[in-house]
Amino acid sequence: MADCLFCMIANHEIPSEIVYEDDKICVYRDIAPQAPVHVLMIPKKHIESLDDVTEDDKELLGYMMLKVHEMVELLGIENGYRVVSNNGEDAQQTVKHIHLHILGGRPFGWPPG
């Protein structure tokens, strides 16, 4: 999508600190980190939210979930991590492009938010 911030990052139209990329996903450091390690994993396919996922997307979303552990190892996160996906206004989804936050490097409290 031409005006999507995350699509522009994935297309290298906006500079970002990319830590991993392949033909399906892009993983880059969050510009406002909430933990010592905080990256975003986005699919290169534009999907606005979890509400817009279709049967055709299940392989891509499964691929993303399988890549989480690889990213945790790549980033050197030890002793646990948190994976977050915000969906919709009340959940503070500010960019309408599905993404996973991968956070680590410190203890997290519960409940979140």
PDB file of N, CA and C in Angstrom:
ATOM      1  N   MET A   1       0.844  -1.170   0.000  1.00  0.00           N
ATOM      2  CA  MET A   1       0.000   0.000   0.000  1.00  0.00           C
ATOM      3  C   MET A   1       0.897   1.242   0.000  1.00  0.00           C
ATOM      4  N   ALA A   2       0.653   2.147  -0.881  1.00  0.00           N
ATOM      5  CA  ALA A   2       1.542   3.274  -1.138  1.00  0.00           C
ATOM      6  C   ALA A   2       1.742   4.205   0.049  1.00  0.00           C
ATOM      7  N   ASP A   3       0.729   4.428   0.863  1.00  0.00           N
ATOM      8  CA  ASP A   3       0.857   5.388   1.955  1.00  0.00           C
ATOM      9  C   ASP A   3       1.058   4.733   3.323  1.00  0.00           C
ATOM     10  N   CYS A   4       1.367   3.453   3.358  1.00  0.00           N
ATOM     11  CA  CYS A   4       1.560   2.728   4.614  1.00  0.00           C
ATOM     12  C   CYS A   4       3.016   2.859   5.071  1.00  0.00           C
ATOM     13  N   LEU A   5       3.208   3.374   6.281  1.00  0.00           N
ATOM     14  CA  LEU A   5       4.543   3.560   6.842  1.00  0.00           C
ATOM     15  C   LEU A   5       5.343   2.258   6.839  1.00  0.00           C
ATOM     16  N   PHE A   6       4.722   1.157   7.285  1.00  0.00           N
ATOM     17  CA  PHE A   6       5.445  -0.110   7.375  1.00  0.00           C
ATOM     18  C   PHE A   6       5.755  -0.684   5.998  1.00  0.00           C
ATOM     19  N   CYS A   7       4.885  -0.487   5.038  1.00  0.00           N
ATOM     20  CA  CYS A   7       5.186  -0.917   3.664  1.00  0.00           C
ATOM     21  C   CYS A   7       6.376  -0.131   3.116  1.00  0.00           C
ATOM     22  N   MET A   8       6.432   1.168   3.437  1.00  0.00           N
ATOM     23  CA  MET A   8       7.548   1.990   2.978  1.00  0.00           C
ATOM     24  C   MET A   8       8.859   1.545   3.620  1.00  0.00           C
ATOM     25  N   ILE A   9       8.814   1.142   4.881  1.00  0.00           N
ATOM     26  CA  ILE A   9      10.024   0.615   5.535  1.00  0.00           C
ATOM     27  C   ILE A   9      10.444  -0.684   4.858  1.00  0.00           C
ATOM     28  N   ALA A  10       9.488  -1.593   4.645  1.00  0.00           N
ATOM     29  CA  ALA A  10       9.794  -2.878   4.008  1.00  0.00           C
ATOM     30  C   ALA A  10      10.332  -2.704   2.593  1.00  0.00           C
ATOM     31  N   ASN A  11       9.902  -1.651   1.917  1.00  0.00           N
ATOM     32  CA  ASN A  11      10.367  -1.367   0.553  1.00  0.00           C
ATOM     33  C   ASN A  11      11.621  -0.500   0.531  1.00  0.00           C
ATOM     34  N   HIS A  12      12.202  -0.236   1.703  1.00  0.00           N
ATOM     35  CA  HIS A  12      13.415   0.574   1.846  1.00  0.00           C
ATOM     36  C   HIS A  12      13.239   2.001   1.352  1.00  0.00           C
ATOM     37  N   GLU A  13      12.024   2.507   1.431  1.00  0.00           N
ATOM     38  CA  GLU A  13      11.754   3.897   1.065  1.00  0.00           C
ATOM     39  C   GLU A  13      11.962   4.823   2.259  1.00  0.00           C
ATOM     40  N   ILE A  14      11.910   4.268   3.469  1.00  0.00           N
ATOM     41  CA  ILE A  14      12.163   5.007   4.705  1.00  0.00           C
ATOM     42  C   ILE A  14      13.276   4.270   5.429  1.00  0.00           C
ATOM     43  N   PRO A  15      14.306   4.974   5.857  1.00  0.00           N
ATOM     44  CA  PRO A  15      15.409   4.304   6.558  1.00  0.00           C
ATOM     45  C   PRO A  15      14.941   3.697   7.875  1.00  0.00           C
ATOM     46  N   SER A  16      15.497   2.547   8.194  1.00  0.00           N
ATOM     47  CA  SER A  16      15.198   1.867   9.446  1.00  0.00           C
ATOM     48  C   SER A  16      16.360   0.934   9.757  1.00  0.00           C
ATOM     49  N   GLU A  17      16.506   0.600  11.033  1.00  0.00           N
ATOM     50  CA  GLU A  17      17.566  -0.319  11.424  1.00  0.00           C
ATOM     51  C   GLU A  17      17.038  -1.754  11.302  1.00  0.00           C
ATOM     52  N   ILE A  18      17.164  -2.298  10.126  1.00  0.00           N
ATOM     53  CA  ILE A  18      16.672  -3.644   9.832  1.00  0.00           C
ATOM     54  C   ILE A  18      17.647  -4.662  10.398  1.00  0.00           C
ATOM     55  N   VAL A  19      17.118  -5.620  11.167  1.00  0.00           N
ATOM     56  CA  VAL A  19      17.965  -6.661  11.759  1.00  0.00           C
ATOM     57  C   VAL A  19      17.819  -7.992  11.030  1.00  0.00           C
ATOM     58  N   TYR A  20      16.722  -8.145  10.264  1.00  0.00           N
ATOM     59  CA  TYR A  20      16.515  -9.363   9.489  1.00  0.00           C
ATOM     60  C   TYR A  20      15.501  -9.050   8.395  1.00  0.00           C
ATOM     61  N   GLU A  21      15.712  -9.690   7.249  1.00  0.00           N
ATOM     62  CA  GLU A  21      14.777  -9.521   6.146  1.00  0.00           C
ATOM     63  C   GLU A  21      14.875 -10.723   5.224  1.00  0.00           C
ATOM     64  N   ASP A  22      13.733 -11.142   4.722  1.00  0.00           N
ATOM     65  CA  ASP A  22      13.699 -12.148   3.665  1.00  0.00           C
ATOM     66  C   ASP A  22      12.557 -11.787   2.722  1.00  0.00           C
ATOM     67  N   ASP A  23      12.144 -12.705   1.884  1.00  0.00           N
ATOM     68  CA  ASP A  23      11.116 -12.375   0.904  1.00  0.00           C
ATOM     69  C   ASP A  23       9.726 -12.220   1.505  1.00  0.00           C
ATOM     70  N   LYS A  24       9.514 -12.664   2.766  1.00  0.00           N
ATOM     71  CA  LYS A  24       8.187 -12.614   3.382  1.00  0.00           C
ATOM     72  C   LYS A  24       8.047 -11.580   4.492  1.00  0.00           C
ATOM     73  N   ILE A  25       9.131 -11.327   5.239  1.00  0.00           N
ATOM     74  CA  ILE A  25       9.050 -10.463   6.412  1.00  0.00           C
ATOM     75  C   ILE A  25      10.216  -9.484   6.481  1.00  0.00           C
ATOM     76  N   CYS A  26      10.022  -8.471   7.306  1.00  0.00           N
ATOM     77  CA  CYS A  26      11.069  -7.508   7.625  1.00  0.00           C
ATOM     78  C   CYS A  26      11.022  -7.306   9.139  1.00  0.00           C
ATOM     79  N   VAL A  27      12.188  -7.331   9.785  1.00  0.00           N
ATOM     80  CA  VAL A  27      12.284  -7.143  11.230  1.00  0.00           C
ATOM     81  C   VAL A  27      13.232  -5.980  11.473  1.00  0.00           C
ATOM     82  N   TYR A  28      12.754  -4.987  12.220  1.00  0.00           N
ATOM     83  CA  TYR A  28      13.575  -3.805  12.452  1.00  0.00           C
ATOM     84  C   TYR A  28      13.345  -3.260  13.851  1.00  0.00           C
ATOM     85  N   ARG A  29      14.306  -2.482  14.323  1.00  0.00           N
ATOM     86  CA  ARG A  29      14.253  -1.928  15.677  1.00  0.00           C
ATOM     87  C   ARG A  29      13.165  -0.865  15.772  1.00  0.00           C
ATOM     88  N   ASP A  30      12.429  -0.895  16.880  1.00  0.00           N
ATOM     89  CA  ASP A  30      11.380   0.085  17.149  1.00  0.00           C
ATOM     90  C   ASP A  30      12.029   1.441  17.435  1.00  0.00           C
ATOM     91  N   ILE A  31      11.451   2.515  16.927  1.00  0.00           N
ATOM     92  CA  ILE A  31      12.034   3.845  17.144  1.00  0.00           C
ATOM     93  C   ILE A  31      11.745   4.388  18.547  1.00  0.00           C
ATOM     94  N   ALA A  32      10.806   3.773  19.263  1.00  0.00           N
ATOM     95  CA  ALA A  32      10.492   4.171  20.644  1.00  0.00           C
ATOM     96  C   ALA A  32      10.484   2.914  21.507  1.00  0.00           C
ATOM     97  N   PRO A  33      11.651   2.310  21.726  1.00  0.00           N
ATOM     98  CA  PRO A  33      11.700   1.008  22.396  1.00  0.00           C
ATOM     99  C   PRO A  33      11.145   1.043  23.822  1.00  0.00           C
ATOM    100  N   GLN A  34      10.422  -0.025  24.161  1.00  0.00           N
ATOM    101  CA  GLN A  34       9.832  -0.195  25.485  1.00  0.00           C
ATOM    102  C   GLN A  34      10.592  -1.217  26.320  1.00  0.00           C
ATOM    103  N   ALA A  35      11.704  -1.688  25.802  1.00  0.00           N
ATOM    104  CA  ALA A  35      12.562  -2.662  26.483  1.00  0.00           C
ATOM    105  C   ALA A  35      13.958  -2.535  25.862  1.00  0.00           C
ATOM    106  N   PRO A  36      14.984  -3.091  26.530  1.00  0.00           N
ATOM    107  CA  PRO A  36      16.326  -3.027  25.941  1.00  0.00           C
ATOM    108  C   PRO A  36      16.386  -3.596  24.522  1.00  0.00           C
ATOM    109  N   VAL A  37      15.608  -4.637  24.256  1.00  0.00           N
ATOM    110  CA  VAL A  37      15.469  -5.158  22.895  1.00  0.00           C
ATOM    111  C   VAL A  37      14.002  -5.017  22.516  1.00  0.00           C
ATOM    112  N   HIS A  38      13.738  -4.295  21.442  1.00  0.00           N
ATOM    113  CA  HIS A  38      12.359  -4.106  20.970  1.00  0.00           C
ATOM    114  C   HIS A  38      12.399  -3.970  19.459  1.00  0.00           C
ATOM    115  N   VAL A  39      11.936  -5.019  18.779  1.00  0.00           N
ATOM    116  CA  VAL A  39      11.874  -4.996  17.322  1.00  0.00           C
ATOM    117  C   VAL A  39      10.443  -5.224  16.873  1.00  0.00           C
ATOM    118  N   LEU A  40      10.169  -4.817  15.648  1.00  0.00           N
ATOM    119  CA  LEU A  40       8.886  -5.083  15.011  1.00  0.00           C
ATOM    120  C   LEU A  40       9.111  -6.072  13.882  1.00  0.00           C
ATOM    121  N   MET A  41       8.235  -7.058  13.801  1.00  0.00           N
ATOM    122  CA  MET A  41       8.250  -8.007  12.685  1.00  0.00           C
ATOM    123  C   MET A  41       6.996  -7.730  11.862  1.00  0.00           C
ATOM    124  N   ILE A  42       7.199  -7.396  10.594  1.00  0.00           N
ATOM    125  CA  ILE A  42       6.064  -7.119   9.719  1.00  0.00           C
ATOM    126  C   ILE A  42       6.091  -8.042   8.509  1.00  0.00           C
ATOM    127  N   PRO A  43       4.911  -8.430   8.042  1.00  0.00           N
ATOM    128  CA  PRO A  43       4.887  -9.148   6.766  1.00  0.00           C
ATOM    129  C   PRO A  43       5.058  -8.131   5.635  1.00  0.00           C
ATOM    130  N   LYS A  44       5.698  -8.529   4.579  1.00  0.00           N
ATOM    131  CA  LYS A  44       5.831  -7.627   3.435  1.00  0.00           C
ATOM    132  C   LYS A  44       4.494  -7.470   2.708  1.00  0.00           C
ATOM    133  N   LYS A  45       3.615  -8.422   2.879  1.00  0.00           N
ATOM    134  CA  LYS A  45       2.262  -8.302   2.345  1.00  0.00           C
ATOM    135  C   LYS A  45       1.489  -7.355   3.261  1.00  0.00           C
ATOM    136  N   HIS A  46       0.803  -6.394   2.689  1.00  0.00           N
ATOM    137  CA  HIS A  46       0.022  -5.463   3.499  1.00  0.00           C
ATOM    138  C   HIS A  46      -1.274  -6.125   3.962  1.00  0.00           C
ATOM    139  N   ILE A  47      -1.392  -6.260   5.278  1.00  0.00           N
ATOM    140  CA  ILE A  47      -2.624  -6.722   5.916  1.00  0.00           C
ATOM    141  C   ILE A  47      -2.883  -5.715   7.025  1.00  0.00           C
ATOM    142  N   GLU A  48      -4.025  -5.046   7.009  1.00  0.00           N
ATOM    143  CA  GLU A  48      -4.256  -3.952   7.957  1.00  0.00           C
ATOM    144  C   GLU A  48      -4.315  -4.395   9.410  1.00  0.00           C
ATOM    145  N   SER A  49      -5.014  -5.478   9.702  1.00  0.00           N
ATOM    146  CA  SER A  49      -5.164  -5.893  11.101  1.00  0.00           C
ATOM    147  C   SER A  49      -5.490  -7.374  11.164  1.00  0.00           C
ATOM    148  N   LEU A  50      -5.532  -7.900  12.376  1.00  0.00           N
ATOM    149  CA  LEU A  50      -5.925  -9.298  12.545  1.00  0.00           C
ATOM    150  C   LEU A  50      -7.341  -9.541  12.040  1.00  0.00           C
ATOM    151  N   ASP A  51      -8.162  -8.500  12.067  1.00  0.00           N
ATOM    152  CA  ASP A  51      -9.534  -8.620  11.557  1.00  0.00           C
ATOM    153  C   ASP A  51      -9.573  -8.814  10.046  1.00  0.00           C
ATOM    154  N   ASP A  52      -8.476  -8.520   9.370  1.00  0.00           N
ATOM    155  CA  ASP A  52      -8.427  -8.622   7.911  1.00  0.00           C
ATOM    156  C   ASP A  52      -7.706  -9.865   7.406  1.00  0.00           C
ATOM    157  N   VAL A  53      -7.260 -10.715   8.320  1.00  0.00           N
ATOM    158  CA  VAL A  53      -6.576 -11.948   7.941  1.00  0.00           C
ATOM    159  C   VAL A  53      -7.572 -12.889   7.256  1.00  0.00           C
ATOM    160  N   THR A  54      -7.120 -13.521   6.179  1.00  0.00           N
ATOM    161  CA  THR A  54      -7.951 -14.487   5.470  1.00  0.00           C
ATOM    162  C   THR A  54      -7.294 -15.859   5.505  1.00  0.00           C
ATOM    163  N   GLU A  55      -8.002 -16.814   5.029  1.00  0.00           N
ATOM    164  CA  GLU A  55      -7.488 -18.182   4.928  1.00  0.00           C
ATOM    165  C   GLU A  55      -6.170 -18.203   4.145  1.00  0.00           C
ATOM    166  N   ASP A  56      -6.046 -17.326   3.165  1.00  0.00           N
ATOM    167  CA  ASP A  56      -4.822 -17.252   2.347  1.00  0.00           C
ATOM    168  C   ASP A  56      -3.605 -16.791   3.139  1.00  0.00           C
ATOM    169  N   ASP A  57      -3.819 -16.189   4.310  1.00  0.00           N
ATOM    170  CA  ASP A  57      -2.718 -15.639   5.101  1.00  0.00           C
ATOM    171  C   ASP A  57      -2.178 -16.593   6.156  1.00  0.00           C
ATOM    172  N   LYS A  58      -2.793 -17.740   6.340  1.00  0.00           N
ATOM    173  CA  LYS A  58      -2.385 -18.591   7.459  1.00  0.00           C
ATOM    174  C   LYS A  58      -0.953 -19.103   7.327  1.00  0.00           C
ATOM    175  N   GLU A  59      -0.483 -19.372   6.132  1.00  0.00           N
ATOM    176  CA  GLU A  59       0.908 -19.811   5.961  1.00  0.00           C
ATOM    177  C   GLU A  59       1.878 -18.680   6.341  1.00  0.00           C
ATOM    178  N   LEU A  60       1.573 -17.463   5.924  1.00  0.00           N
ATOM    179  CA  LEU A  60       2.414 -16.314   6.245  1.00  0.00           C
ATOM    180  C   LEU A  60       2.454 -16.066   7.754  1.00  0.00           C
ATOM    181  N   LEU A  61       1.306 -16.107   8.410  1.00  0.00           N
ATOM    182  CA  LEU A  61       1.269 -15.864   9.856  1.00  0.00           C
ATOM    183  C   LEU A  61       1.960 -16.987  10.621  1.00  0.00           C
ATOM    184  N   GLY A  62       1.815 -18.215  10.156  1.00  0.00           N
ATOM    185  CA  GLY A  62       2.542 -19.332  10.759  1.00  0.00           C
ATOM    186  C   GLY A  62       4.040 -19.162  10.586  1.00  0.00           C
ATOM    187  N   TYR A  63       4.442 -18.705   9.424  1.00  0.00           N
ATOM    188  CA  TYR A  63       5.859 -18.434   9.159  1.00  0.00           C
ATOM    189  C   TYR A  63       6.403 -17.390  10.130  1.00  0.00           C
ATOM    190  N   MET A  64       5.630 -16.333  10.352  1.00  0.00           N
ATOM    191  CA  MET A  64       6.054 -15.284  11.278  1.00  0.00           C
ATOM    192  C   MET A  64       6.227 -15.844  12.686  1.00  0.00           C
ATOM    193  N   MET A  65       5.289 -16.652  13.131  1.00  0.00           N
ATOM    194  CA  MET A  65       5.390 -17.213  14.478  1.00  0.00           C
ATOM    195  C   MET A  65       6.606 -18.123  14.598  1.00  0.00           C
ATOM    196  N   LEU A  66       6.900 -18.891  13.565  1.00  0.00           N
ATOM    197  CA  LEU A  66       8.075 -19.749  13.596  1.00  0.00           C
ATOM    198  C   LEU A  66       9.374 -18.935  13.591  1.00  0.00           C
ATOM    199  N   LYS A  67       9.360 -17.751  13.010  1.00  0.00           N
ATOM    200  CA  LYS A  67      10.544 -16.900  12.947  1.00  0.00           C
ATOM    201  C   LYS A  67      10.826 -16.192  14.275  1.00  0.00           C
ATOM    202  N   VAL A  68       9.845 -16.106  15.181  1.00  0.00           N
ATOM    203  CA  VAL A  68      10.049 -15.392  16.444  1.00  0.00           C
ATOM    204  C   VAL A  68      11.254 -15.945  17.193  1.00  0.00           C
ATOM    205  N   HIS A  69      11.316 -17.262  17.373  1.00  0.00           N
ATOM    206  CA  HIS A  69      12.422 -17.849  18.130  1.00  0.00           C
ATOM    207  C   HIS A  69      13.767 -17.561  17.458  1.00  0.00           C
ATOM    208  N   GLU A  70      13.798 -17.622  16.153  1.00  0.00           N
ATOM    209  CA  GLU A  70      15.034 -17.309  15.422  1.00  0.00           C
ATOM    210  C   GLU A  70      15.464 -15.865  15.691  1.00  0.00           C
ATOM    211  N   MET A  71      14.512 -14.938  15.728  1.00  0.00           N
ATOM    212  CA  MET A  71      14.839 -13.538  15.998  1.00  0.00           C
ATOM    213  C   MET A  71      15.325 -13.367  17.439  1.00  0.00           C
ATOM    214  N   VAL A  72      14.707 -14.065  18.378  1.00  0.00           N
ATOM    215  CA  VAL A  72      15.123 -14.003  19.780  1.00  0.00           C
ATOM    216  C   VAL A  72      16.579 -14.446  19.918  1.00  0.00           C
ATOM    217  N   GLU A  73      16.936 -15.527  19.244  1.00  0.00           N
ATOM    218  CA  GLU A  73      18.331 -15.993  19.271  1.00  0.00           C
ATOM    219  C   GLU A  73      19.257 -14.992  18.589  1.00  0.00           C
ATOM    220  N   LEU A  74      18.856 -14.478  17.432  1.00  0.00           N
ATOM    221  CA  LEU A  74      19.656 -13.505  16.698  1.00  0.00           C
ATOM    222  C   LEU A  74      19.930 -12.255  17.544  1.00  0.00           C
ATOM    223  N   LEU A  75      18.936 -11.832  18.310  1.00  0.00           N
ATOM    224  CA  LEU A  75      19.044 -10.614  19.111  1.00  0.00           C
ATOM    225  C   LEU A  75      19.663 -10.850  20.487  1.00  0.00           C
ATOM    226  N   GLY A  76      19.934 -12.110  20.823  1.00  0.00           N
ATOM    227  CA  GLY A  76      20.575 -12.425  22.090  1.00  0.00           C
ATOM    228  C   GLY A  76      19.683 -12.268  23.308  1.00  0.00           C
ATOM    229  N   ILE A  77      18.385 -12.421  23.126  1.00  0.00           N
ATOM    230  CA  ILE A  77      17.463 -12.309  24.256  1.00  0.00           C
ATOM    231  C   ILE A  77      17.526 -13.596  25.060  1.00  0.00           C
ATOM    232  N   GLU A  78      17.718 -13.435  26.376  1.00  0.00           N
ATOM    233  CA  GLU A  78      17.769 -14.582  27.280  1.00  0.00           C
ATOM    234  C   GLU A  78      16.714 -14.415  28.367  1.00  0.00           C
ATOM    235  N   ASN A  79      16.333 -15.491  29.001  1.00  0.00           N
ATOM    236  CA  ASN A  79      15.432 -15.484  30.160  1.00  0.00           C
ATOM    237  C   ASN A  79      14.009 -15.042  29.845  1.00  0.00           C
ATOM    238  N   GLY A  80      13.583 -15.159  28.628  1.00  0.00           N
ATOM    239  CA  GLY A  80      12.197 -14.860  28.278  1.00  0.00           C
ATOM    240  C   GLY A  80      12.033 -13.606  27.446  1.00  0.00           C
ATOM    241  N   TYR A  81      10.892 -13.514  26.826  1.00  0.00           N
ATOM    242  CA  TYR A  81      10.576 -12.392  25.952  1.00  0.00           C
ATOM    243  C   TYR A  81       9.068 -12.285  25.840  1.00  0.00           C
ATOM    244  N   ARG A  82       8.612 -11.181  25.307  1.00  0.00           N
ATOM    245  CA  ARG A  82       7.183 -10.952  25.112  1.00  0.00           C
ATOM    246  C   ARG A  82       6.939 -10.669  23.635  1.00  0.00           C
ATOM    247  N   VAL A  83       5.847 -11.235  23.116  1.00  0.00           N
ATOM    248  CA  VAL A  83       5.411 -10.977  21.748  1.00  0.00           C
ATOM    249  C   VAL A  83       4.024 -10.346  21.847  1.00  0.00           C
ATOM    250  N   VAL A  84       3.856  -9.181  21.218  1.00  0.00           N
ATOM    251  CA  VAL A  84       2.607  -8.428  21.321  1.00  0.00           C
ATOM    252  C   VAL A  84       2.117  -8.077  19.925  1.00  0.00           C
ATOM    253  N   SER A  85       0.806  -8.202  19.732  1.00  0.00           N
ATOM    254  CA  SER A  85       0.176  -7.710  18.518  1.00  0.00           C
ATOM    255  C   SER A  85      -1.036  -6.883  18.923  1.00  0.00           C
ATOM    256  N   ASN A  86      -0.961  -5.586  18.698  1.00  0.00           N
ATOM    257  CA  ASN A  86      -2.076  -4.696  19.013  1.00  0.00           C
ATOM    258  C   ASN A  86      -3.038  -4.693  17.838  1.00  0.00           C
ATOM    259  N   ASN A  87      -4.344  -4.730  18.137  1.00  0.00           N
ATOM    260  CA  ASN A  87      -5.332  -4.792  17.072  1.00  0.00           C
ATOM    261  C   ASN A  87      -6.469  -3.817  17.358  1.00  0.00           C
ATOM    262  N   GLY A  88      -6.538  -2.756  16.575  1.00  0.00           N
ATOM    263  CA  GLY A  88      -7.616  -1.785  16.718  1.00  0.00           C
ATOM    264  C   GLY A  88      -7.259  -0.617  17.620  1.00  0.00           C
ATOM    265  N   GLU A  89      -8.139   0.386  17.599  1.00  0.00           N
ATOM    266  CA  GLU A  89      -7.907   1.634  18.324  1.00  0.00           C
ATOM    267  C   GLU A  89      -7.738   1.438  19.821  1.00  0.00           C
ATOM    268  N   ASP A  90      -8.626   0.685  20.453  1.00  0.00           N
ATOM    269  CA  ASP A  90      -8.549   0.506  21.903  1.00  0.00           C
ATOM    270  C   ASP A  90      -7.276  -0.207  22.334  1.00  0.00           C
ATOM    271  N   ALA A  91      -6.670  -0.962  21.444  1.00  0.00           N
ATOM    272  CA  ALA A  91      -5.419  -1.668  21.744  1.00  0.00           C
ATOM    273  C   ALA A  91      -4.197  -0.852  21.321  1.00  0.00           C
ATOM    274  N   GLN A  92      -4.432   0.380  20.869  1.00  0.00           N
ATOM    275  CA  GLN A  92      -3.349   1.282  20.467  1.00  0.00           C
ATOM    276  C   GLN A  92      -2.615   0.848  19.199  1.00  0.00           C
ATOM    277  N   GLN A  93      -3.329   0.229  18.266  1.00  0.00           N
ATOM    278  CA  GLN A  93      -2.718  -0.061  16.968  1.00  0.00           C
ATOM    279  C   GLN A  93      -2.649   1.251  16.202  1.00  0.00           C
ATOM    280  N   THR A  94      -1.468   1.819  16.098  1.00  0.00           N
ATOM    281  CA  THR A  94      -1.319   3.135  15.480  1.00  0.00           C
ATOM    282  C   THR A  94      -0.986   3.068  13.988  1.00  0.00           C
ATOM    283  N   VAL A  95      -0.427   1.958  13.540  1.00  0.00           N
ATOM    284  CA  VAL A  95      -0.150   1.774  12.113  1.00  0.00           C
ATOM    285  C   VAL A  95      -1.017   0.623  11.627  1.00  0.00           C
ATOM    286  N   LYS A  96      -1.789   0.874  10.603  1.00  0.00           N
ATOM    287  CA  LYS A  96      -2.716  -0.127  10.077  1.00  0.00           C
ATOM    288  C   LYS A  96      -1.991  -1.097   9.139  1.00  0.00           C
ATOM    289  N   HIS A  97      -1.104  -1.870   9.746  1.00  0.00           N
ATOM    290  CA  HIS A  97      -0.360  -2.931   9.060  1.00  0.00           C
ATOM    291  C   HIS A  97      -0.015  -3.933  10.157  1.00  0.00           C
ATOM    292  N   ILE A  98      -0.483  -5.147  10.018  1.00  0.00           N
ATOM    293  CA  ILE A  98      -0.269  -6.157  11.050  1.00  0.00           C
ATOM    294  C   ILE A  98       1.217  -6.278  11.373  1.00  0.00           C
ATOM    295  N   HIS A  99       1.532  -6.413  12.666  1.00  0.00           N
ATOM    296  CA  HIS A  99       2.932  -6.541  13.076  1.00  0.00           C
ATOM    297  C   HIS A  99       3.024  -7.157  14.460  1.00  0.00           C
ATOM    298  N   LEU A 100       4.177  -7.729  14.726  1.00  0.00           N
ATOM    299  CA  LEU A 100       4.474  -8.286  16.042  1.00  0.00           C
ATOM    300  C   LEU A 100       5.574  -7.454  16.684  1.00  0.00           C
ATOM    301  N   HIS A 101       5.366  -7.088  17.939  1.00  0.00           N
ATOM    302  CA  HIS A 101       6.434  -6.500  18.746  1.00  0.00           C
ATOM    303  C   HIS A 101       7.128  -7.670  19.440  1.00  0.00           C
ATOM    304  N   ILE A 102       8.436  -7.733  19.353  1.00  0.00           N
ATOM    305  CA  ILE A 102       9.219  -8.721  20.107  1.00  0.00           C
ATOM    306  C   ILE A 102      10.066  -7.917  21.080  1.00  0.00           C
ATOM    307  N   LEU A 103       9.823  -8.141  22.382  1.00  0.00           N
ATOM    308  CA  LEU A 103      10.489  -7.373  23.429  1.00  0.00           C
ATOM    309  C   LEU A 103      11.231  -8.302  24.366  1.00  0.00           C
ATOM    310  N   GLY A 104      12.398  -7.868  24.819  1.00  0.00           N
ATOM    311  CA  GLY A 104      13.170  -8.670  25.759  1.00  0.00           C
ATOM    312  C   GLY A 104      14.266  -7.854  26.413  1.00  0.00           C
ATOM    313  N   GLY A 105      15.020  -8.530  27.263  1.00  0.00           N
ATOM    314  CA  GLY A 105      16.150  -7.880  27.906  1.00  0.00           C
ATOM    315  C   GLY A 105      15.846  -7.315  29.277  1.00  0.00           C
ATOM    316  N   ARG A 106      14.624  -7.529  29.788  1.00  0.00           N
ATOM    317  CA  ARG A 106      14.245  -7.100  31.131  1.00  0.00           C
ATOM    318  C   ARG A 106      13.032  -7.896  31.581  1.00  0.00           C
ATOM    319  N   PRO A 107      12.787  -7.966  32.898  1.00  0.00           N
ATOM    320  CA  PRO A 107      11.563  -8.620  33.382  1.00  0.00           C
ATOM    321  C   PRO A 107      10.330  -7.764  33.011  1.00  0.00           C
ATOM    322  N   PHE A 108       9.237  -8.420  32.725  1.00  0.00           N
ATOM    323  CA  PHE A 108       7.980  -7.745  32.400  1.00  0.00           C
ATOM    324  C   PHE A 108       6.961  -8.015  33.502  1.00  0.00           C
ATOM    325  N   GLY A 109       6.102  -7.057  33.743  1.00  0.00           N
ATOM    326  CA  GLY A 109       5.046  -7.215  34.719  1.00  0.00           C
ATOM    327  C   GLY A 109       3.777  -7.767  34.096  1.00  0.00           C
ATOM    328  N   TRP A 110       2.851  -8.134  34.956  1.00  0.00           N
ATOM    329  CA  TRP A 110       1.546  -8.598  34.499  1.00  0.00           C
ATOM    330  C   TRP A 110       0.488  -8.068  35.427  1.00  0.00           C
ATOM    331  N   PRO A 111      -0.602  -7.562  35.008  1.00  0.00           N
ATOM    332  CA  PRO A 111      -1.035  -7.519  33.606  1.00  0.00           C
ATOM    333  C   PRO A 111      -0.364  -6.389  32.837  1.00  0.00           C
ATOM    334  N   PRO A 112      -0.237  -6.569  31.524  1.00  0.00           N
ATOM    335  CA  PRO A 112       0.347  -5.504  30.710  1.00  0.00           C
ATOM    336  C   PRO A 112      -0.638  -4.354  30.552  1.00  0.00           C
ATOM    337  N   GLY A 113      -0.124  -3.217  30.152  1.00  0.00           N
ATOM    338  CA  GLY A 113      -0.962  -2.075  29.835  1.00  0.00           C
ATOM    339  C   GLY A 113      -1.615  -1.497  31.031  1.00  0.00           C
TER     340      GLY A 113
END
